[in-house]
Structures are given as structure tokens and as C-alpha cells.
Amino acid sequence: MDRRTEIIEAARQSFTLFGYKATTMDQIAKLAKVGKGTIYTFFKNKDVLFEHIALQMVAEMKREVEAVIDHDLPFTKNAHHVLMKILEFREMHKLYAKLIEEEKSMNTPEVHTMMTKIEDALLSFLEERIEYAVSKGEMVANDTRLVAYLLLKAYLAVAVEWSDYHENELTEEQIIDLFQGTIFRGLTP
């Protein structure tokens, strides 16, 4: 592994364990077993390093999401697979979970900015799929960006937040039935 990659991995580990705010360049250097000056030969500052790692995470998420798309299936089926994969990624990727936690508890401006970029990337991805479905006549949507936002936030609320306030966790089948009977019914011709 080269020095740059070692630094990136050490920074990812530090951001995951401690969050953005508590991570220092000294910690990253110690974890990477390099001098702090070596980090600055590759990254201007902690913000640039943080953004690099977060954008790598978004690219990884997109690859995983693209892998579940079956172009022979209708939009509503693919939308469900895509949204469930996003939620799965959110639950399994510890850095993403840490960023969500830090944004909620500390409202760190840099984390908020990065979470906005991540959400924007996810919305753009969903919006492209919605526009494609509209072009094929599979669905009707005047404002594809707003529909993408509605789908993402509704899935997050139902699949993740529901169990925070209710005793029973919803099954994937219950979520599919709910969306098929409500939101998707309103979007399909």
C-alpha cells in the first residue's frame, strides 16, 4: 500500500471512530505511521481529506446501488431495490453512520456540508432513474427532483425511524406493500 492510501485509510478509521470534529491530523499521522507533514504533501488540510473520503464513500454507494438495478424490471421494483440498498449501506457503513450521528448531536458545519453533498449525490442518482422511468412512460412526475426527495426521505422514515418510536419493526414486504399502495400508485400512469 502506498503512503497516500495509508493516509486515506488512517483518516477513514479516525473519522469513523471519533467523528470529524474530534479527529486531528496528529491522530491520522499516528495511525498512518507517517509524519504530519507527509499528510500535507497529499492533502491541503483536514477538510480536503474528509471530503475525499466522503466522496469515495458516495462512489462506493453508487456502485453498490447500480449493481441491484435490473433494467428488465419496472421502475417501482428497481426503486425499491435501490432505496433498500441505500438504507443497507447506511446501516452497514460505519463512517456514514458516524457522520449522521455527529450531524444530529453536534451539528458540526463541515459534517452538515458533507451530508448535504451526500444527499445531493443520492438525489441526483434517484432523479436520473425517475427521469428514465418518465421517458419510458412507466411513471408520471412533473418535478423529478422533488419526487426523488420524497422517495428517499419516506424510505428513511419508514425503514429506519419507524422502529425508533414503535415496538414493531416493519418487514421489507410491509414496506414494499406500503409504497406500492400509496406513493408508487400515485406516480404510475
C-alpha atoms as a PDB file:
ATOM      1  CA  MET A   1       0.000   0.000   0.000  1.00  0.00           C
ATOM      2  CA  ASP A   2       1.383   3.443  -0.885  1.00  0.00           C
ATOM      3  CA  ARG A   3       1.638   6.365   1.558  1.00  0.00           C
ATOM      4  CA  ARG A   4      -1.377   8.224   0.180  1.00  0.00           C
ATOM      5  CA  THR A   5      -3.593   5.155   0.535  1.00  0.00           C
ATOM      6  CA  GLU A   6      -2.280   4.550   4.062  1.00  0.00           C
ATOM      7  CA  ILE A   7      -3.178   8.127   4.979  1.00  0.00           C
ATOM      8  CA  ILE A   8      -6.656   7.795   3.500  1.00  0.00           C
ATOM      9  CA  GLU A   9      -7.288   4.550   5.377  1.00  0.00           C
ATOM     10  CA  ALA A  10      -5.991   6.014   8.637  1.00  0.00           C
ATOM     11  CA  ALA A  11      -8.167   9.097   8.203  1.00  0.00           C
ATOM     12  CA  ARG A  12     -11.215   6.957   7.399  1.00  0.00           C
ATOM     13  CA  GLN A  13     -10.557   4.945  10.556  1.00  0.00           C
ATOM     14  CA  SER A  14     -10.178   8.089  12.668  1.00  0.00           C
ATOM     15  CA  PHE A  15     -13.289   9.792  11.249  1.00  0.00           C
ATOM     16  CA  THR A  16     -15.239   6.576  11.815  1.00  0.00           C
ATOM     17  CA  LEU A  17     -14.093   6.171  15.417  1.00  0.00           C
ATOM     18  CA  PHE A  18     -14.032   9.782  16.574  1.00  0.00           C
ATOM     19  CA  GLY A  19     -16.078  11.752  14.048  1.00  0.00           C
ATOM     20  CA  TYR A  20     -14.948  14.753  12.056  1.00  0.00           C
ATOM     21  CA  LYS A  21     -14.666  17.246  14.891  1.00  0.00           C
ATOM     22  CA  ALA A  22     -12.576  15.073  17.224  1.00  0.00           C
ATOM     23  CA  THR A  23     -10.226  13.821  14.504  1.00  0.00           C
ATOM     24  CA  THR A  24      -6.893  15.613  14.286  1.00  0.00           C
ATOM     25  CA  MET A  25      -4.145  15.474  11.713  1.00  0.00           C
ATOM     26  CA  ASP A  26      -1.846  14.242  14.504  1.00  0.00           C
ATOM     27  CA  GLN A  27      -4.135  11.237  15.078  1.00  0.00           C
ATOM     28  CA  ILE A  28      -4.238  10.487  11.377  1.00  0.00           C
ATOM     29  CA  ALA A  29      -0.437  10.713  11.141  1.00  0.00           C
ATOM     30  CA  LYS A  30      -0.036   8.387  14.114  1.00  0.00           C
ATOM     31  CA  LEU A  31      -2.488   5.831  12.675  1.00  0.00           C
ATOM     32  CA  ALA A  32      -0.830   6.029   9.241  1.00  0.00           C
ATOM     33  CA  LYS A  33       2.624   5.832  10.818  1.00  0.00           C
ATOM     34  CA  VAL A  34       3.792   8.912   8.916  1.00  0.00           C
ATOM     35  CA  GLY A  35       4.859  12.398   9.880  1.00  0.00           C
ATOM     36  CA  LYS A  36       2.124  15.019   9.863  1.00  0.00           C
ATOM     37  CA  GLY A  37       3.974  16.854   7.091  1.00  0.00           C
ATOM     38  CA  THR A  38       3.599  13.800   4.855  1.00  0.00           C
ATOM     39  CA  ILE A  39      -0.183  14.148   5.018  1.00  0.00           C
ATOM     40  CA  TYR A  40       0.085  17.748   3.786  1.00  0.00           C
ATOM     41  CA  THR A  41       2.020  16.627   0.705  1.00  0.00           C
ATOM     42  CA  PHE A  42      -1.166  14.842  -0.411  1.00  0.00           C
ATOM     43  CA  PHE A  43      -3.980  16.837   1.214  1.00  0.00           C
ATOM     44  CA  LYS A  44      -4.114  20.584   1.857  1.00  0.00           C
ATOM     45  CA  ASN A  45      -5.960  20.197   5.164  1.00  0.00           C
ATOM     46  CA  LYS A  46      -8.353  18.025   7.171  1.00  0.00           C
ATOM     47  CA  ASP A  47     -11.376  19.349   5.240  1.00  0.00           C
ATOM     48  CA  VAL A  48      -9.926  18.283   1.885  1.00  0.00           C
ATOM     49  CA  LEU A  49      -9.037  14.850   3.256  1.00  0.00           C
ATOM     50  CA  PHE A  50     -12.511  14.493   4.792  1.00  0.00           C
ATOM     51  CA  GLU A  51     -14.205  15.451   1.524  1.00  0.00           C
ATOM     52  CA  HIS A  52     -12.042  12.984  -0.409  1.00  0.00           C
ATOM     53  CA  ILE A  53     -13.057  10.139   1.902  1.00  0.00           C
ATOM     54  CA  ALA A  54     -16.736  11.099   1.890  1.00  0.00           C
ATOM     55  CA  LEU A  55     -16.819  11.289  -1.908  1.00  0.00           C
ATOM     56  CA  GLN A  56     -15.131   7.873  -2.103  1.00  0.00           C
ATOM     57  CA  MET A  57     -17.916   6.587   0.131  1.00  0.00           C
ATOM     58  CA  VAL A  58     -20.555   8.077  -2.194  1.00  0.00           C
ATOM     59  CA  ALA A  59     -18.878   6.452  -5.209  1.00  0.00           C
ATOM     60  CA  GLU A  60     -18.877   3.104  -3.380  1.00  0.00           C
ATOM     61  CA  MET A  61     -22.541   3.545  -2.519  1.00  0.00           C
ATOM     62  CA  LYS A  62     -23.402   4.310  -6.150  1.00  0.00           C
ATOM     63  CA  ARG A  63     -21.553   1.192  -7.345  1.00  0.00           C
ATOM     64  CA  GLU A  64     -23.454  -0.974  -4.881  1.00  0.00           C
ATOM     65  CA  VAL A  65     -26.764   0.615  -5.825  1.00  0.00           C
ATOM     66  CA  GLU A  66     -26.144   0.286  -9.560  1.00  0.00           C
ATOM     67  CA  ALA A  67     -25.435  -3.404  -9.061  1.00  0.00           C
ATOM     68  CA  VAL A  68     -29.005  -4.058  -7.854  1.00  0.00           C
ATOM     69  CA  ILE A  69     -30.704  -2.403 -10.837  1.00  0.00           C
ATOM     70  CA  ASP A  70     -32.327  -4.821 -13.266  1.00  0.00           C
ATOM     71  CA  HIS A  71     -33.203  -2.949 -16.450  1.00  0.00           C
ATOM     72  CA  ASP A  72     -35.840  -5.566 -17.276  1.00  0.00           C
ATOM     73  CA  LEU A  73     -37.832  -4.687 -14.144  1.00  0.00           C
ATOM     74  CA  PRO A  74     -40.251  -1.746 -13.909  1.00  0.00           C
ATOM     75  CA  PHE A  75     -39.226   1.420 -12.110  1.00  0.00           C
ATOM     76  CA  THR A  76     -41.206   0.660  -8.957  1.00  0.00           C
ATOM     77  CA  LYS A  77     -39.379  -2.638  -8.396  1.00  0.00           C
ATOM     78  CA  ASN A  78     -35.978  -1.131  -9.123  1.00  0.00           C
ATOM     79  CA  ALA A  79     -36.747   1.899  -6.945  1.00  0.00           C
ATOM     80  CA  HIS A  80     -37.437  -0.377  -4.030  1.00  0.00           C
ATOM     81  CA  HIS A  81     -34.201  -2.340  -4.569  1.00  0.00           C
ATOM     82  CA  VAL A  82     -32.202   0.888  -4.916  1.00  0.00           C
ATOM     83  CA  LEU A  83     -33.685   2.501  -1.819  1.00  0.00           C
ATOM     84  CA  MET A  84     -33.249  -0.629   0.278  1.00  0.00           C
ATOM     85  CA  LYS A  85     -29.595  -0.839  -0.845  1.00  0.00           C
ATOM     86  CA  ILE A  86     -29.076   2.801   0.185  1.00  0.00           C
ATOM     87  CA  LEU A  87     -30.564   2.016   3.580  1.00  0.00           C
ATOM     88  CA  GLU A  88     -28.460  -1.128   3.890  1.00  0.00           C
ATOM     89  CA  PHE A  89     -25.352   0.858   3.028  1.00  0.00           C
ATOM     90  CA  ARG A  90     -26.317   3.454   5.616  1.00  0.00           C
ATOM     91  CA  GLU A  91     -26.691   0.817   8.302  1.00  0.00           C
ATOM     92  CA  MET A  92     -23.546  -1.148   7.397  1.00  0.00           C
ATOM     93  CA  HIS A  93     -21.111   1.632   6.581  1.00  0.00           C
ATOM     94  CA  LYS A  94     -19.799   2.810   9.936  1.00  0.00           C
ATOM     95  CA  LEU A  95     -18.399   6.119   8.672  1.00  0.00           C
ATOM     96  CA  TYR A  96     -21.767   7.116   7.212  1.00  0.00           C
ATOM     97  CA  ALA A  97     -23.488   6.166  10.474  1.00  0.00           C
ATOM     98  CA  LYS A  98     -20.930   8.209  12.453  1.00  0.00           C
ATOM     99  CA  LEU A  99     -21.491  11.249  10.235  1.00  0.00           C
ATOM    100  CA  ILE A 100     -25.253  11.004  10.700  1.00  0.00           C
ATOM    101  CA  GLU A 101     -24.742  10.747  14.463  1.00  0.00           C
ATOM    102  CA  GLU A 102     -22.338  13.701  14.569  1.00  0.00           C
ATOM    103  CA  GLU A 103     -24.611  15.872  12.449  1.00  0.00           C
ATOM    104  CA  LYS A 104     -27.578  15.186  14.742  1.00  0.00           C
ATOM    105  CA  SER A 105     -25.750  15.538  18.054  1.00  0.00           C
ATOM    106  CA  MET A 106     -23.148  18.225  17.368  1.00  0.00           C
ATOM    107  CA  ASN A 107     -24.357  19.957  14.208  1.00  0.00           C
ATOM    108  CA  THR A 108     -20.757  20.277  13.010  1.00  0.00           C
ATOM    109  CA  PRO A 109     -20.841  22.649   9.989  1.00  0.00           C
ATOM    110  CA  GLU A 110     -18.299  20.608   7.981  1.00  0.00           C
ATOM    111  CA  VAL A 111     -20.268  17.415   8.561  1.00  0.00           C
ATOM    112  CA  HIS A 112     -23.516  19.162   7.670  1.00  0.00           C
ATOM    113  CA  THR A 113     -21.951  20.381   4.412  1.00  0.00           C
ATOM    114  CA  MET A 114     -20.702  16.881   3.594  1.00  0.00           C
ATOM    115  CA  MET A 115     -24.050  15.256   4.446  1.00  0.00           C
ATOM    116  CA  THR A 116     -25.701  17.773   2.117  1.00  0.00           C
ATOM    117  CA  LYS A 117     -23.288  16.729  -0.663  1.00  0.00           C
ATOM    118  CA  ILE A 118     -24.002  13.050   0.022  1.00  0.00           C
ATOM    119  CA  GLU A 119     -27.753  13.622  -0.042  1.00  0.00           C
ATOM    120  CA  ASP A 120     -27.407  15.646  -3.237  1.00  0.00           C
ATOM    121  CA  ALA A 121     -25.489  12.788  -4.878  1.00  0.00           C
ATOM    122  CA  LEU A 122     -28.168  10.289  -3.817  1.00  0.00           C
ATOM    123  CA  LEU A 123     -30.964  12.565  -5.020  1.00  0.00           C
ATOM    124  CA  SER A 124     -29.230  13.085  -8.371  1.00  0.00           C
ATOM    125  CA  PHE A 125     -28.872   9.332  -8.764  1.00  0.00           C
ATOM    126  CA  LEU A 126     -32.564   8.743  -7.961  1.00  0.00           C
ATOM    127  CA  GLU A 127     -33.636  11.661 -10.133  1.00  0.00           C
ATOM    128  CA  GLU A 128     -31.827  10.168 -13.144  1.00  0.00           C
ATOM    129  CA  ARG A 129     -33.688   6.887 -12.620  1.00  0.00           C
ATOM    130  CA  ILE A 130     -37.008   8.706 -12.269  1.00  0.00           C
ATOM    131  CA  GLU A 131     -36.395  10.711 -15.446  1.00  0.00           C
ATOM    132  CA  TYR A 132     -35.626   7.473 -17.267  1.00  0.00           C
ATOM    133  CA  ALA A 133     -38.860   5.910 -15.976  1.00  0.00           C
ATOM    134  CA  VAL A 134     -40.807   9.003 -17.060  1.00  0.00           C
ATOM    135  CA  SER A 135     -39.244   8.815 -20.543  1.00  0.00           C
ATOM    136  CA  LYS A 136     -40.331   5.157 -20.803  1.00  0.00           C
ATOM    137  CA  GLY A 137     -43.853   6.051 -19.716  1.00  0.00           C
ATOM    138  CA  GLU A 138     -43.585   3.956 -16.537  1.00  0.00           C
ATOM    139  CA  MET A 139     -44.359   6.888 -14.280  1.00  0.00           C
ATOM    140  CA  VAL A 140     -45.558  10.470 -14.218  1.00  0.00           C
ATOM    141  CA  ALA A 141     -43.617  13.166 -12.382  1.00  0.00           C
ATOM    142  CA  ASN A 142     -43.514  16.889 -13.048  1.00  0.00           C
ATOM    143  CA  ASP A 143     -40.703  17.607 -10.599  1.00  0.00           C
ATOM    144  CA  THR A 144     -38.369  14.609 -10.627  1.00  0.00           C
ATOM    145  CA  ARG A 145     -36.032  16.133  -8.021  1.00  0.00           C
ATOM    146  CA  LEU A 146     -38.889  16.561  -5.565  1.00  0.00           C
ATOM    147  CA  VAL A 147     -40.108  13.014  -6.212  1.00  0.00           C
ATOM    148  CA  ALA A 148     -36.578  11.705  -5.595  1.00  0.00           C
ATOM    149  CA  TYR A 149     -36.502  13.611  -2.306  1.00  0.00           C
ATOM    150  CA  LEU A 150     -39.919  12.279  -1.303  1.00  0.00           C
ATOM    151  CA  LEU A 151     -38.905   8.686  -2.020  1.00  0.00           C
ATOM    152  CA  LEU A 152     -35.572   8.925  -0.196  1.00  0.00           C
ATOM    153  CA  LYS A 153     -36.970  10.633   2.893  1.00  0.00           C
ATOM    154  CA  ALA A 154     -40.078   8.426   3.028  1.00  0.00           C
ATOM    155  CA  TYR A 155     -37.950   5.274   2.835  1.00  0.00           C
ATOM    156  CA  LEU A 156     -35.643   6.555   5.562  1.00  0.00           C
ATOM    157  CA  ALA A 157     -38.592   7.428   7.780  1.00  0.00           C
ATOM    158  CA  VAL A 158     -40.388   4.125   7.313  1.00  0.00           C
ATOM    159  CA  ALA A 159     -37.425   1.760   7.215  1.00  0.00           C
ATOM    160  CA  VAL A 160     -35.219   3.354   9.869  1.00  0.00           C
ATOM    161  CA  GLU A 161     -37.055   5.861  12.030  1.00  0.00           C
ATOM    162  CA  TRP A 162     -40.277   3.874  12.449  1.00  0.00           C
ATOM    163  CA  SER A 163     -38.569   1.389  14.751  1.00  0.00           C
ATOM    164  CA  ASP A 164     -37.168   4.234  16.883  1.00  0.00           C
ATOM    165  CA  TYR A 165     -40.682   5.122  18.033  1.00  0.00           C
ATOM    166  CA  HIS A 166     -42.654   1.910  17.606  1.00  0.00           C
ATOM    167  CA  GLU A 167     -42.204  -1.528  19.103  1.00  0.00           C
ATOM    168  CA  ASN A 168     -42.560  -3.472  15.890  1.00  0.00           C
ATOM    169  CA  GLU A 169     -40.016  -3.147  13.121  1.00  0.00           C
ATOM    170  CA  LEU A 170     -41.509  -3.192   9.629  1.00  0.00           C
ATOM    171  CA  THR A 171     -40.561  -6.050   7.326  1.00  0.00           C
ATOM    172  CA  GLU A 172     -39.303  -5.427   3.839  1.00  0.00           C
ATOM    173  CA  GLU A 173     -42.586  -6.838   2.482  1.00  0.00           C
ATOM    174  CA  GLN A 174     -44.597  -4.381   4.600  1.00  0.00           C
ATOM    175  CA  ILE A 175     -42.507  -1.505   3.279  1.00  0.00           C
ATOM    176  CA  ILE A 176     -42.959  -2.691  -0.322  1.00  0.00           C
ATOM    177  CA  ASP A 177     -46.725  -3.029   0.145  1.00  0.00           C
ATOM    178  CA  LEU A 178     -46.948   0.414   1.742  1.00  0.00           C
ATOM    179  CA  PHE A 179     -45.078   2.133  -1.078  1.00  0.00           C
ATOM    180  CA  GLN A 180     -46.792   0.136  -3.843  1.00  0.00           C
ATOM    181  CA  GLY A 181     -50.203   1.041  -2.404  1.00  0.00           C
ATOM    182  CA  THR A 182     -49.501   4.712  -1.824  1.00  0.00           C
ATOM    183  CA  ILE A 183     -46.600   6.626  -3.366  1.00  0.00           C
ATOM    184  CA  PHE A 184     -45.925   4.377  -6.371  1.00  0.00           C
ATOM    185  CA  ARG A 185     -49.656   4.137  -7.153  1.00  0.00           C
ATOM    186  CA  GLY A 186     -49.742   7.920  -7.403  1.00  0.00           C
ATOM    187  CA  LEU A 187     -46.685   8.039  -9.664  1.00  0.00           C
ATOM    188  CA  THR A 188     -47.638   5.364 -12.178  1.00  0.00           C
ATOM    189  CA  PRO A 189     -49.980   6.079 -15.110  1.00  0.00           C
END
